[in-house]
PDB file of N, CA and C in Angstrom:
ATOM      1  N   VAL A   1      -5.955  -5.789   9.046  1.00  0.00           N
ATOM      2  CA  VAL A   1      -4.786  -5.395   9.808  1.00  0.00           C
ATOM      3  C   VAL A   1      -4.977  -3.961  10.257  1.00  0.00           C
ATOM      4  N   PHE A   2      -4.796  -3.707  11.532  1.00  0.00           N
ATOM      5  CA  PHE A   2      -4.870  -2.346  12.048  1.00  0.00           C
ATOM      6  C   PHE A   2      -3.461  -1.802  12.172  1.00  0.00           C
ATOM      7  N   PHE A   3      -3.272  -0.622  11.661  1.00  0.00           N
ATOM      8  CA  PHE A   3      -1.974   0.042  11.737  1.00  0.00           C
ATOM      9  C   PHE A   3      -2.242   1.477  12.137  1.00  0.00           C
ATOM     10  N   PRO A   4      -1.719   1.948  13.273  1.00  0.00           N
ATOM     11  CA  PRO A   4      -1.985   3.322  13.701  1.00  0.00           C
ATOM     12  C   PRO A   4      -1.565   4.328  12.625  1.00  0.00           C
ATOM     13  N   GLY A   5      -2.470   5.233  12.296  1.00  0.00           N
ATOM     14  CA  GLY A   5      -2.223   6.208  11.237  1.00  0.00           C
ATOM     15  C   GLY A   5      -0.953   7.015  11.420  1.00  0.00           C
ATOM     16  N   GLU A   6      -0.679   7.435  12.649  1.00  0.00           N
ATOM     17  CA  GLU A   6       0.521   8.253  12.873  1.00  0.00           C
ATOM     18  C   GLU A   6       1.805   7.452  12.639  1.00  0.00           C
ATOM     19  N   LYS A   7       1.775   6.162  12.945  1.00  0.00           N
ATOM     20  CA  LYS A   7       2.948   5.310  12.680  1.00  0.00           C
ATOM     21  C   LYS A   7       3.140   5.111  11.180  1.00  0.00           C
ATOM     22  N   LEU A   8       2.032   4.936  10.463  1.00  0.00           N
ATOM     23  CA  LEU A   8       2.111   4.799   9.012  1.00  0.00           C
ATOM     24  C   LEU A   8       2.664   6.079   8.392  1.00  0.00           C
ATOM     25  N   GLU A   9       2.162   7.221   8.847  1.00  0.00           N
ATOM     26  CA  GLU A   9       2.662   8.498   8.332  1.00  0.00           C
ATOM     27  C   GLU A   9       4.160   8.645   8.608  1.00  0.00           C
ATOM     28  N   GLU A  10       4.578   8.309   9.804  1.00  0.00           N
ATOM     29  CA  GLU A  10       5.997   8.392  10.174  1.00  0.00           C
ATOM     30  C   GLU A  10       6.850   7.501   9.265  1.00  0.00           C
ATOM     31  N   PHE A  11       6.371   6.280   9.042  1.00  0.00           N
ATOM     32  CA  PHE A  11       7.103   5.357   8.175  1.00  0.00           C
ATOM     33  C   PHE A  11       7.182   5.889   6.749  1.00  0.00           C
ATOM     34  N   LEU A  12       6.048   6.332   6.202  1.00  0.00           N
ATOM     35  CA  LEU A  12       6.032   6.815   4.817  1.00  0.00           C
ATOM     36  C   LEU A  12       6.899   8.058   4.640  1.00  0.00           C
ATOM     37  N   ARG A  13       6.907   8.940   5.633  1.00  0.00           N
ATOM     38  CA  ARG A  13       7.754  10.143   5.548  1.00  0.00           C
ATOM     39  C   ARG A  13       9.242   9.786   5.574  1.00  0.00           C
ATOM     40  N   SER A  14       9.570   8.621   6.122  1.00  0.00           N
ATOM     41  CA  SER A  14      10.981   8.210   6.191  1.00  0.00           C
ATOM     42  C   SER A  14      11.488   7.667   4.854  1.00  0.00           C
ATOM     43  N   LEU A  15      10.577   7.407   3.918  1.00  0.00           N
ATOM     44  CA  LEU A  15      10.956   6.843   2.619  1.00  0.00           C
ATOM     45  C   LEU A  15      11.295   7.943   1.625  1.00  0.00           C
ATOM     46  N   ASN A  16      12.154   7.628   0.695  1.00  0.00           N
ATOM     47  CA  ASN A  16      12.523   8.564  -0.363  1.00  0.00           C
ATOM     48  C   ASN A  16      11.618   8.307  -1.564  1.00  0.00           C
ATOM     49  N   SER A  17      10.680   9.212  -1.812  1.00  0.00           N
ATOM     50  CA  SER A  17       9.700   9.001  -2.887  1.00  0.00           C
ATOM     51  C   SER A  17      10.311   9.117  -4.274  1.00  0.00           C
ATOM     52  N   SER A  18      11.557   9.574  -4.360  1.00  0.00           N
ATOM     53  CA  SER A  18      12.208   9.650  -5.675  1.00  0.00           C
ATOM     54  C   SER A  18      12.890   8.330  -6.041  1.00  0.00           C
ATOM     55  N   LYS A  19      12.851   7.360  -5.123  1.00  0.00           N
ATOM     56  CA  LYS A  19      13.363   6.017  -5.420  1.00  0.00           C
ATOM     57  C   LYS A  19      12.187   5.125  -5.798  1.00  0.00           C
ATOM     58  N   PRO A  20      12.401   4.149  -6.679  1.00  0.00           N
ATOM     59  CA  PRO A  20      11.296   3.263  -7.056  1.00  0.00           C
ATOM     60  C   PRO A  20      10.983   2.268  -5.932  1.00  0.00           C
ATOM     61  N   LEU A  21       9.875   2.503  -5.231  1.00  0.00           N
ATOM     62  CA  LEU A  21       9.466   1.631  -4.128  1.00  0.00           C
ATOM     63  C   LEU A  21       8.047   1.129  -4.354  1.00  0.00           C
ATOM     64  N   TYR A  22       7.859  -0.150  -4.136  1.00  0.00           N
ATOM     65  CA  TYR A  22       6.570  -0.831  -4.290  1.00  0.00           C
ATOM     66  C   TYR A  22       6.447  -1.706  -3.058  1.00  0.00           C
ATOM     67  N   LEU A  23       5.588  -1.305  -2.125  1.00  0.00           N
ATOM     68  CA  LEU A  23       5.514  -1.942  -0.817  1.00  0.00           C
ATOM     69  C   LEU A  23       4.169  -2.616  -0.592  1.00  0.00           C
ATOM     70  N   GLY A  24       4.192  -3.702   0.146  1.00  0.00           N
ATOM     71  CA  GLY A  24       2.988  -4.430   0.512  1.00  0.00           C
ATOM     72  C   GLY A  24       3.376  -5.799   1.034  1.00  0.00           C
ATOM     73  N   GLN A  25       2.392  -6.672   1.161  1.00  0.00           N
ATOM     74  CA  GLN A  25       2.683  -8.044   1.585  1.00  0.00           C
ATOM     75  C   GLN A  25       3.105  -8.838   0.357  1.00  0.00           C
ATOM     76  N   THR A  26       4.349  -9.249   0.341  1.00  0.00           N
ATOM     77  CA  THR A  26       4.913  -9.935  -0.817  1.00  0.00           C
ATOM     78  C   THR A  26       4.281 -11.306  -1.003  1.00  0.00           C
ATOM     79  N   GLY A  27       3.965 -11.622  -2.261  1.00  0.00           N
ATOM     80  CA  GLY A  27       3.367 -12.911  -2.577  1.00  0.00           C
ATOM     81  C   GLY A  27       4.011 -13.555  -3.785  1.00  0.00           C
ATOM     82  N   LEU A  28       3.844 -14.856  -3.869  1.00  0.00           N
ATOM     83  CA  LEU A  28       4.332 -15.639  -5.005  1.00  0.00           C
ATOM     84  C   LEU A  28       3.207 -16.444  -5.646  1.00  0.00           C
ATOM     85  N   GLY A  29       2.005 -16.389  -5.052  1.00  0.00           N
ATOM     86  CA  GLY A  29       0.887 -17.213  -5.502  1.00  0.00           C
ATOM     87  C   GLY A  29       0.761 -18.417  -4.588  1.00  0.00           C
ATOM     88  N   ASN A  30      -0.412 -19.045  -4.610  1.00  0.00           N
ATOM     89  CA  ASN A  30      -0.577 -20.224  -3.764  1.00  0.00           C
ATOM     90  C   ASN A  30      -0.057 -21.470  -4.482  1.00  0.00           C
ATOM     91  N   ILE A  31       0.001 -22.558  -3.769  1.00  0.00           N
ATOM     92  CA  ILE A  31       0.588 -23.802  -4.281  1.00  0.00           C
ATOM     93  C   ILE A  31      -0.045 -24.224  -5.610  1.00  0.00           C
ATOM     94  N   GLU A  32      -1.369 -24.137  -5.703  1.00  0.00           N
ATOM     95  CA  GLU A  32      -2.063 -24.559  -6.924  1.00  0.00           C
ATOM     96  C   GLU A  32      -1.720 -23.675  -8.124  1.00  0.00           C
ATOM     97  N   GLU A  33      -1.306 -22.436  -7.868  1.00  0.00           N
ATOM     98  CA  GLU A  33      -1.041 -21.487  -8.950  1.00  0.00           C
ATOM     99  C   GLU A  33       0.424 -21.421  -9.376  1.00  0.00           C
ATOM    100  N   LEU A  34       1.302 -22.057  -8.629  1.00  0.00           N
ATOM    101  CA  LEU A  34       2.725 -21.986  -8.963  1.00  0.00           C
ATOM    102  C   LEU A  34       2.952 -22.472 -10.390  1.00  0.00           C
ATOM    103  N   GLY A  35       3.663 -21.684 -11.157  1.00  0.00           N
ATOM    104  CA  GLY A  35       3.932 -22.008 -12.548  1.00  0.00           C
ATOM    105  C   GLY A  35       2.832 -21.583 -13.504  1.00  0.00           C
ATOM    106  N   LYS A  36       1.719 -21.064 -12.978  1.00  0.00           N
ATOM    107  CA  LYS A  36       0.590 -20.670 -13.827  1.00  0.00           C
ATOM    108  C   LYS A  36       0.379 -19.157 -13.873  1.00  0.00           C
ATOM    109  N   LEU A  37       1.183 -18.407 -13.146  1.00  0.00           N
ATOM    110  CA  LEU A  37       0.997 -16.960 -13.068  1.00  0.00           C
ATOM    111  C   LEU A  37       1.924 -16.190 -14.001  1.00  0.00           C
ATOM    112  N   GLY A  38       2.777 -16.892 -14.709  1.00  0.00           N
ATOM    113  CA  GLY A  38       3.707 -16.211 -15.610  1.00  0.00           C
ATOM    114  C   GLY A  38       4.832 -15.503 -14.886  1.00  0.00           C
ATOM    115  N   LEU A  39       5.142 -15.954 -13.678  1.00  0.00           N
ATOM    116  CA  LEU A  39       6.241 -15.372 -12.910  1.00  0.00           C
ATOM    117  C   LEU A  39       7.506 -16.181 -13.144  1.00  0.00           C
ATOM    118  N   GLU A  40       8.592 -15.486 -13.348  1.00  0.00           N
ATOM    119  CA  GLU A  40       9.892 -16.136 -13.475  1.00  0.00           C
ATOM    120  C   GLU A  40      10.446 -16.396 -12.078  1.00  0.00           C
ATOM    121  N   PRO A  41      11.408 -17.313 -11.937  1.00  0.00           N
ATOM    122  CA  PRO A  41      12.027 -17.525 -10.623  1.00  0.00           C
ATOM    123  C   PRO A  41      12.562 -16.205 -10.061  1.00  0.00           C
ATOM    124  N   GLY A  42      12.253 -15.944  -8.805  1.00  0.00           N
ATOM    125  CA  GLY A  42      12.695 -14.720  -8.149  1.00  0.00           C
ATOM    126  C   GLY A  42      11.736 -13.549  -8.301  1.00  0.00           C
ATOM    127  N   GLU A  43      10.714 -13.682  -9.144  1.00  0.00           N
ATOM    128  CA  GLU A  43       9.741 -12.602  -9.311  1.00  0.00           C
ATOM    129  C   GLU A  43       8.612 -12.750  -8.299  1.00  0.00           C
ATOM    130  N   ASN A  44       8.072 -11.630  -7.854  1.00  0.00           N
ATOM    131  CA  ASN A  44       6.981 -11.636  -6.887  1.00  0.00           C
ATOM    132  C   ASN A  44       6.011 -10.507  -7.217  1.00  0.00           C
ATOM    133  N   PHE A  45       5.044 -10.303  -6.335  1.00  0.00           N
ATOM    134  CA  PHE A  45       4.086  -9.210  -6.458  1.00  0.00           C
ATOM    135  C   PHE A  45       3.604  -8.861  -5.057  1.00  0.00           C
ATOM    136  N   CYS A  46       3.047  -7.666  -4.886  1.00  0.00           N
ATOM    137  CA  CYS A  46       2.418  -7.296  -3.618  1.00  0.00           C
ATOM    138  C   CYS A  46       0.967  -7.752  -3.679  1.00  0.00           C
ATOM    139  N   MET A  47       0.536  -8.482  -2.661  1.00  0.00           N
ATOM    140  CA  MET A  47      -0.830  -9.000  -2.648  1.00  0.00           C
ATOM    141  C   MET A  47      -1.828  -7.857  -2.458  1.00  0.00           C
ATOM    142  N   GLY A  48      -2.913  -7.915  -3.217  1.00  0.00           N
ATOM    143  CA  GLY A  48      -3.884  -6.831  -3.239  1.00  0.00           C
ATOM    144  C   GLY A  48      -4.699  -6.667  -1.975  1.00  0.00           C
ATOM    145  N   GLY A  49      -5.005  -7.748  -1.287  1.00  0.00           N
ATOM    146  CA  GLY A  49      -5.853  -7.666  -0.099  1.00  0.00           C
ATOM    147  C   GLY A  49      -5.341  -6.709   0.965  1.00  0.00           C
ATOM    148  N   PRO A  50      -4.090  -6.857   1.396  1.00  0.00           N
ATOM    149  CA  PRO A  50      -3.551  -5.978   2.430  1.00  0.00           C
ATOM    150  C   PRO A  50      -3.261  -4.559   1.941  1.00  0.00           C
ATOM    151  N   GLY A  51      -3.209  -4.354   0.633  1.00  0.00           N
ATOM    152  CA  GLY A  51      -2.938  -3.028   0.080  1.00  0.00           C
ATOM    153  C   GLY A  51      -1.525  -2.907  -0.455  1.00  0.00           C
ATOM    154  N   MET A  52      -1.332  -1.878  -1.270  1.00  0.00           N
ATOM    155  CA  MET A  52      -0.043  -1.622  -1.921  1.00  0.00           C
ATOM    156  C   MET A  52       0.298  -0.148  -1.779  1.00  0.00           C
ATOM    157  N   ILE A  53       1.575   0.132  -1.674  1.00  0.00           N
ATOM    158  CA  ILE A  53       2.063   1.508  -1.614  1.00  0.00           C
ATOM    159  C   ILE A  53       3.083   1.671  -2.730  1.00  0.00           C
ATOM    160  N   PHE A  54       2.905   2.726  -3.519  1.00  0.00           N
ATOM    161  CA  PHE A  54       3.806   3.025  -4.634  1.00  0.00           C
ATOM    162  C   PHE A  54       4.488   4.359  -4.376  1.00  0.00           C
ATOM    163  N   SER A  55       5.783   4.427  -4.614  1.00  0.00           N
ATOM    164  CA  SER A  55       6.449   5.725  -4.530  1.00  0.00           C
ATOM    165  C   SER A  55       6.093   6.546  -5.763  1.00  0.00           C
ATOM    166  N   ARG A  56       6.307   7.831  -5.656  1.00  0.00           N
ATOM    167  CA  ARG A  56       6.065   8.736  -6.778  1.00  0.00           C
ATOM    168  C   ARG A  56       6.856   8.295  -8.005  1.00  0.00           C
ATOM    169  N   GLU A  57       8.078   7.831  -7.801  1.00  0.00           N
ATOM    170  CA  GLU A  57       8.936   7.431  -8.920  1.00  0.00           C
ATOM    171  C   GLU A  57       8.386   6.214  -9.653  1.00  0.00           C
ATOM    172  N   VAL A  58       7.876   5.233  -8.925  1.00  0.00           N
ATOM    173  CA  VAL A  58       7.279   4.062  -9.578  1.00  0.00           C
ATOM    174  C   VAL A  58       6.087   4.495 -10.420  1.00  0.00           C
ATOM    175  N   LEU A  59       5.240   5.353  -9.872  1.00  0.00           N
ATOM    176  CA  LEU A  59       4.076   5.824 -10.626  1.00  0.00           C
ATOM    177  C   LEU A  59       4.498   6.616 -11.856  1.00  0.00           C
ATOM    178  N   ARG A  60       5.499   7.462 -11.714  1.00  0.00           N
ATOM    179  CA  ARG A  60       5.983   8.255 -12.848  1.00  0.00           C
ATOM    180  C   ARG A  60       6.442   7.349 -13.989  1.00  0.00           C
ATOM    181  N   ARG A  61       7.123   6.278 -13.645  1.00  0.00           N
ATOM    182  CA  ARG A  61       7.638   5.352 -14.663  1.00  0.00           C
ATOM    183  C   ARG A  61       6.543   4.463 -15.256  1.00  0.00           C
ATOM    184  N   MET A  62       5.592   4.061 -14.424  1.00  0.00           N
ATOM    185  CA  MET A  62       4.621   3.052 -14.825  1.00  0.00           C
ATOM    186  C   MET A  62       3.393   3.622 -15.531  1.00  0.00           C
ATOM    187  N   VAL A  63       2.875   4.738 -15.068  1.00  0.00           N
ATOM    188  CA  VAL A  63       1.602   5.265 -15.568  1.00  0.00           C
ATOM    189  C   VAL A  63       1.550   5.425 -17.086  1.00  0.00           C
ATOM    190  N   PRO A  64       2.600   5.906 -17.753  1.00  0.00           N
ATOM    191  CA  PRO A  64       2.510   6.026 -19.212  1.00  0.00           C
ATOM    192  C   PRO A  64       2.304   4.689 -19.932  1.00  0.00           C
ATOM    193  N   HIS A  65       2.523   3.585 -19.244  1.00  0.00           N
ATOM    194  CA  HIS A  65       2.447   2.258 -19.861  1.00  0.00           C
ATOM    195  C   HIS A  65       1.242   1.440 -19.398  1.00  0.00           C
ATOM    196  N   ILE A  66       0.327   2.059 -18.664  1.00  0.00           N
ATOM    197  CA  ILE A  66      -0.819   1.323 -18.120  1.00  0.00           C
ATOM    198  C   ILE A  66      -1.613   0.628 -19.226  1.00  0.00           C
ATOM    199  N   GLY A  67      -1.851   1.318 -20.328  1.00  0.00           N
ATOM    200  CA  GLY A  67      -2.602   0.714 -21.434  1.00  0.00           C
ATOM    201  C   GLY A  67      -1.945  -0.547 -21.943  1.00  0.00           C
ATOM    202  N   GLU A  68      -0.638  -0.500 -22.087  1.00  0.00           N
ATOM    203  CA  GLU A  68       0.108  -1.678 -22.546  1.00  0.00           C
ATOM    204  C   GLU A  68      -0.010  -2.817 -21.538  1.00  0.00           C
ATOM    205  N   CYS A  69       0.084  -2.487 -20.259  1.00  0.00           N
ATOM    206  CA  CYS A  69      -0.053  -3.514 -19.219  1.00  0.00           C
ATOM    207  C   CYS A  69      -1.435  -4.159 -19.274  1.00  0.00           C
ATOM    208  N   LEU A  70      -2.467  -3.357 -19.495  1.00  0.00           N
ATOM    209  CA  LEU A  70      -3.831  -3.894 -19.558  1.00  0.00           C
ATOM    210  C   LEU A  70      -4.049  -4.774 -20.781  1.00  0.00           C
ATOM    211  N   ARG A  71      -3.376  -4.461 -21.868  1.00  0.00           N
ATOM    212  CA  ARG A  71      -3.518  -5.269 -23.089  1.00  0.00           C
ATOM    213  C   ARG A  71      -2.738  -6.579 -23.017  1.00  0.00           C
ATOM    214  N   GLU A  72      -1.740  -6.653 -22.144  1.00  0.00           N
ATOM    215  CA  GLU A  72      -0.852  -7.817 -22.093  1.00  0.00           C
ATOM    216  C   GLU A  72      -0.953  -8.559 -20.763  1.00  0.00           C
ATOM    217  N   MET A  73      -2.166  -8.782 -20.299  1.00  0.00           N
ATOM    218  CA  MET A  73      -2.360  -9.492 -19.036  1.00  0.00           C
ATOM    219  C   MET A  73      -2.288 -10.996 -19.259  1.00  0.00           C
ATOM    220  N   TYR A  74      -1.629 -11.685 -18.322  1.00  0.00           N
ATOM    221  CA  TYR A  74      -1.471 -13.137 -18.398  1.00  0.00           C
ATOM    222  C   TYR A  74      -2.465 -13.869 -17.509  1.00  0.00           C
ATOM    223  N   THR A  75      -2.991 -13.178 -16.502  1.00  0.00           N
ATOM    224  CA  THR A  75      -3.902 -13.804 -15.547  1.00  0.00           C
ATOM    225  C   THR A  75      -5.084 -12.874 -15.289  1.00  0.00           C
ATOM    226  N   THR A  76      -6.031 -13.359 -14.486  1.00  0.00           N
ATOM    227  CA  THR A  76      -7.149 -12.519 -14.047  1.00  0.00           C
ATOM    228  C   THR A  76      -6.906 -11.968 -12.644  1.00  0.00           C
ATOM    229  N   HIS A  77      -5.715 -12.157 -12.121  1.00  0.00           N
ATOM    230  CA  HIS A  77      -5.365 -11.675 -10.778  1.00  0.00           C
ATOM    231  C   HIS A  77      -4.790 -10.267 -10.888  1.00  0.00           C
ATOM    232  N   GLU A  78      -5.571  -9.286 -10.441  1.00  0.00           N
ATOM    233  CA  GLU A  78      -5.126  -7.900 -10.601  1.00  0.00           C
ATOM    234  C   GLU A  78      -3.835  -7.605  -9.853  1.00  0.00           C
ATOM    235  N   ASP A  79      -3.635  -8.209  -8.689  1.00  0.00           N
ATOM    236  CA  ASP A  79      -2.409  -7.929  -7.948  1.00  0.00           C
ATOM    237  C   ASP A  79      -1.179  -8.480  -8.665  1.00  0.00           C
ATOM    238  N   VAL A  80      -1.311  -9.644  -9.269  1.00  0.00           N
ATOM    239  CA  VAL A  80      -0.201 -10.223 -10.039  1.00  0.00           C
ATOM    240  C   VAL A  80       0.117  -9.326 -11.234  1.00  0.00           C
ATOM    241  N   GLU A  81      -0.921  -8.836 -11.903  1.00  0.00           N
ATOM    242  CA  GLU A  81      -0.717  -8.009 -13.094  1.00  0.00           C
ATOM    243  C   GLU A  81      -0.167  -6.633 -12.753  1.00  0.00           C
ATOM    244  N   VAL A  82      -0.592  -6.055 -11.628  1.00  0.00           N
ATOM    245  CA  VAL A  82       0.005  -4.793 -11.173  1.00  0.00           C
ATOM    246  C   VAL A  82       1.485  -5.022 -10.904  1.00  0.00           C
ATOM    247  N   GLY A  83       1.804  -6.124 -10.229  1.00  0.00           N
ATOM    248  CA  GLY A  83       3.206  -6.447  -9.951  1.00  0.00           C
ATOM    249  C   GLY A  83       4.024  -6.619 -11.215  1.00  0.00           C
ATOM    250  N   ARG A  84       3.435  -7.253 -12.221  1.00  0.00           N
ATOM    251  CA  ARG A  84       4.126  -7.449 -13.497  1.00  0.00           C
ATOM    252  C   ARG A  84       4.409  -6.091 -14.159  1.00  0.00           C
ATOM    253  N   CYS A  85       3.426  -5.198 -14.119  1.00  0.00           N
ATOM    254  CA  CYS A  85       3.576  -3.872 -14.718  1.00  0.00           C
ATOM    255  C   CYS A  85       4.626  -3.047 -13.960  1.00  0.00           C
ATOM    256  N   VAL A  86       4.588  -3.106 -12.637  1.00  0.00           N
ATOM    257  CA  VAL A  86       5.582  -2.388 -11.832  1.00  0.00           C
ATOM    258  C   VAL A  86       6.980  -2.910 -12.131  1.00  0.00           C
ATOM    259  N   ARG A  87       7.120  -4.218 -12.208  1.00  0.00           N
ATOM    260  CA  ARG A  87       8.430  -4.817 -12.483  1.00  0.00           C
ATOM    261  C   ARG A  87       8.929  -4.393 -13.859  1.00  0.00           C
ATOM    262  N   ARG A  88       8.041  -4.456 -14.836  1.00  0.00           N
ATOM    263  CA  ARG A  88       8.428  -4.176 -16.221  1.00  0.00           C
ATOM    264  C   ARG A  88       8.743  -2.701 -16.457  1.00  0.00           C
ATOM    265  N   PHE A  89       7.887  -1.825 -15.954  1.00  0.00           N
ATOM    266  CA  PHE A  89       8.044  -0.405 -16.265  1.00  0.00           C
ATOM    267  C   PHE A  89       8.486   0.443 -15.074  1.00  0.00           C
ATOM    268  N   GLY A  90       8.182   0.001 -13.861  1.00  0.00           N
ATOM    269  CA  GLY A  90       8.582   0.754 -12.675  1.00  0.00           C
ATOM    270  C   GLY A  90       9.994   0.456 -12.224  1.00  0.00           C
ATOM    271  N   GLY A  91      10.545  -0.652 -12.726  1.00  0.00           N
ATOM    272  CA  GLY A  91      11.931  -0.985 -12.427  1.00  0.00           C
ATOM    273  C   GLY A  91      12.165  -1.582 -11.060  1.00  0.00           C
ATOM    274  N   THR A  92      11.128  -2.144 -10.445  1.00  0.00           N
ATOM    275  CA  THR A  92      11.295  -2.753  -9.131  1.00  0.00           C
ATOM    276  C   THR A  92      10.218  -3.816  -8.946  1.00  0.00           C
ATOM    277  N   GLN A  93      10.259  -4.513  -7.834  1.00  0.00           N
ATOM    278  CA  GLN A  93       9.188  -5.441  -7.487  1.00  0.00           C
ATOM    279  C   GLN A  93       8.891  -5.287  -6.010  1.00  0.00           C
ATOM    280  N   CYS A  94       7.903  -5.996  -5.527  1.00  0.00           N
ATOM    281  CA  CYS A  94       7.473  -5.853  -4.138  1.00  0.00           C
ATOM    282  C   CYS A  94       8.658  -6.113  -3.200  1.00  0.00           C
ATOM    283  N   VAL A  95       8.830  -5.203  -2.270  1.00  0.00           N
ATOM    284  CA  VAL A  95       9.939  -5.293  -1.321  1.00  0.00           C
ATOM    285  C   VAL A  95       9.618  -6.365  -0.277  1.00  0.00           C
ATOM    286  N   TRP A  96      10.552  -7.279  -0.056  1.00  0.00           N
ATOM    287  CA  TRP A  96      10.403  -8.270   1.016  1.00  0.00           C
ATOM    288  C   TRP A  96      10.569  -7.559   2.354  1.00  0.00           C
ATOM    289  N   SER A  97       9.879  -8.016   3.394  1.00  0.00           N
ATOM    290  CA  SER A  97       9.907  -7.339   4.696  1.00  0.00           C
ATOM    291  C   SER A  97      11.321  -7.215   5.254  1.00  0.00           C
ATOM    292  N   TYR A  98      12.181  -8.189   5.003  1.00  0.00           N
ATOM    293  CA  TYR A  98      13.545  -8.113   5.533  1.00  0.00           C
ATOM    294  C   TYR A  98      14.376  -7.034   4.840  1.00  0.00           C
ATOM    295  N   GLU A  99      13.898  -6.509   3.711  1.00  0.00           N
ATOM    296  CA  GLU A  99      14.627  -5.471   2.988  1.00  0.00           C
ATOM    297  C   GLU A  99      14.313  -4.064   3.506  1.00  0.00           C
ATOM    298  N   VAL A 100      13.249  -3.941   4.308  1.00  0.00           N
ATOM    299  CA  VAL A 100      12.813  -2.606   4.751  1.00  0.00           C
ATOM    300  C   VAL A 100      13.515  -2.186   6.001  1.00  0.00           C
TER     301      VAL A 100
END
């Protein structure tokens, strides 16, 4: 995906980094994986391929718990596990596009 750098900068500057924000392409897993990722109904994650953006506040909340997140992984999908850690310790989950 190509996104002009100046537009990305403009968008990111419009966000409040003191709020817990976790942005990217929202995913739930593919059909074969449904029910196997350890996600509860309504839970999601930002897919790793397109990239993820974390606000300063999410990182502040999550980073002290990275070791715990790494010890308690349910899958081998890093994007799912990052999403689980953000949800658990960052206090948010991947923002759906209609919410932005």
